[in-house]
Amino acid sequence: MILFFSSLIAPIFVGITLATYKYWLEHRSDKKHK
């Protein structure tokens, strides 16, 4: 049960983390350009 739950949550958590990191990098690069 716990393994199934973690295997279900892990990809979602990683996806959110990557999306946030990507957005942060873009926001930071925008600040640097300006």
N, C-alpha and C. Protein backbone atom coordinates (compact mmCIF):
# COMPACT_ATOMS: atom_id res chain seq x y z
N MET A 1 0.83 -1.20 0.00
CA MET A 1 0.00 0.00 0.00
C MET A 1 0.87 1.26 0.00
N ILE A 2 1.86 1.28 0.89
CA ILE A 2 2.73 2.47 0.97
C ILE A 2 3.56 2.60 -0.31
N LEU A 3 4.05 1.46 -0.81
CA LEU A 3 4.85 1.50 -2.05
C LEU A 3 4.01 2.02 -3.21
N PHE A 4 2.77 1.56 -3.30
CA PHE A 4 1.88 2.01 -4.38
C PHE A 4 1.64 3.51 -4.25
N PHE A 5 1.42 3.97 -3.02
CA PHE A 5 1.15 5.39 -2.78
C PHE A 5 2.36 6.23 -3.18
N SER A 6 3.55 5.79 -2.76
CA SER A 6 4.77 6.55 -3.07
C SER A 6 5.05 6.54 -4.57
N SER A 7 4.81 5.41 -5.22
CA SER A 7 5.04 5.32 -6.67
C SER A 7 4.05 6.20 -7.42
N LEU A 8 2.91 6.47 -6.80
CA LEU A 8 1.89 7.31 -7.45
C LEU A 8 2.21 8.78 -7.22
N ILE A 9 2.73 9.10 -6.03
CA ILE A 9 2.99 10.50 -5.67
C ILE A 9 4.33 10.99 -6.22
N ALA A 10 5.33 10.11 -6.22
CA ALA A 10 6.69 10.50 -6.64
C ALA A 10 6.72 11.23 -7.99
N PRO A 11 6.15 10.66 -9.07
CA PRO A 11 6.20 11.34 -10.37
C PRO A 11 5.53 12.71 -10.33
N ILE A 12 4.43 12.82 -9.60
CA ILE A 12 3.72 14.11 -9.52
C ILE A 12 4.59 15.12 -8.78
N PHE A 13 5.19 14.69 -7.67
CA PHE A 13 6.05 15.58 -6.88
C PHE A 13 7.24 16.04 -7.71
N VAL A 14 7.85 15.12 -8.44
CA VAL A 14 9.00 15.46 -9.28
C VAL A 14 8.58 16.45 -10.37
N GLY A 15 7.41 16.21 -10.96
CA GLY A 15 6.92 17.09 -12.02
C GLY A 15 6.71 18.51 -11.50
N ILE A 16 6.12 18.63 -10.31
CA ILE A 16 5.88 19.95 -9.73
C ILE A 16 7.21 20.63 -9.41
N THR A 17 8.16 19.85 -8.88
CA THR A 17 9.47 20.41 -8.53
C THR A 17 10.18 20.91 -9.78
N LEU A 18 10.15 20.12 -10.85
CA LEU A 18 10.82 20.52 -12.09
C LEU A 18 10.15 21.76 -12.68
N ALA A 19 8.83 21.81 -12.64
CA ALA A 19 8.10 22.96 -13.18
C ALA A 19 8.45 24.22 -12.39
N THR A 20 8.51 24.09 -11.07
CA THR A 20 8.84 25.25 -10.23
C THR A 20 10.27 25.70 -10.50
N TYR A 21 11.19 24.73 -10.63
CA TYR A 21 12.60 25.05 -10.90
C TYR A 21 12.75 25.74 -12.26
N LYS A 22 12.02 25.25 -13.25
CA LYS A 22 12.07 25.84 -14.59
C LYS A 22 11.56 27.28 -14.54
N TYR A 23 10.42 27.48 -13.86
CA TYR A 23 9.83 28.82 -13.74
C TYR A 23 10.79 29.75 -13.01
N TRP A 24 11.44 29.23 -11.95
CA TRP A 24 12.37 30.04 -11.16
C TRP A 24 13.57 30.46 -12.03
N LEU A 25 14.07 29.52 -12.83
CA LEU A 25 15.21 29.83 -13.70
C LEU A 25 14.83 30.91 -14.71
N GLU A 26 13.65 30.78 -15.32
CA GLU A 26 13.20 31.77 -16.31
C GLU A 26 13.03 33.13 -15.64
N HIS A 27 12.43 33.14 -14.47
CA HIS A 27 12.20 34.39 -13.75
C HIS A 27 13.53 35.05 -13.39
N ARG A 28 14.49 34.22 -12.99
CA ARG A 28 15.80 34.74 -12.60
C ARG A 28 16.52 35.31 -13.83
N SER A 29 16.44 34.59 -14.96
CA SER A 29 17.11 35.05 -16.18
C SER A 29 16.47 36.36 -16.66
N ASP A 30 15.15 36.49 -16.49
CA ASP A 30 14.47 37.72 -16.88
C ASP A 30 14.99 38.89 -16.05
N LYS A 31 15.18 38.66 -14.76
CA LYS A 31 15.68 39.72 -13.88
C LYS A 31 17.10 40.11 -14.29
N LYS A 32 17.90 39.11 -14.65
CA LYS A 32 19.30 39.40 -15.03
C LYS A 32 19.34 40.22 -16.32
N HIS A 33 18.47 39.88 -17.28
CA HIS A 33 18.47 40.61 -18.56
C HIS A 33 18.07 42.06 -18.34
N LYS A 34 17.12 42.30 -17.44
CA LYS A 34 16.67 43.67 -17.17
C LYS A 34 17.61 44.31 -16.16
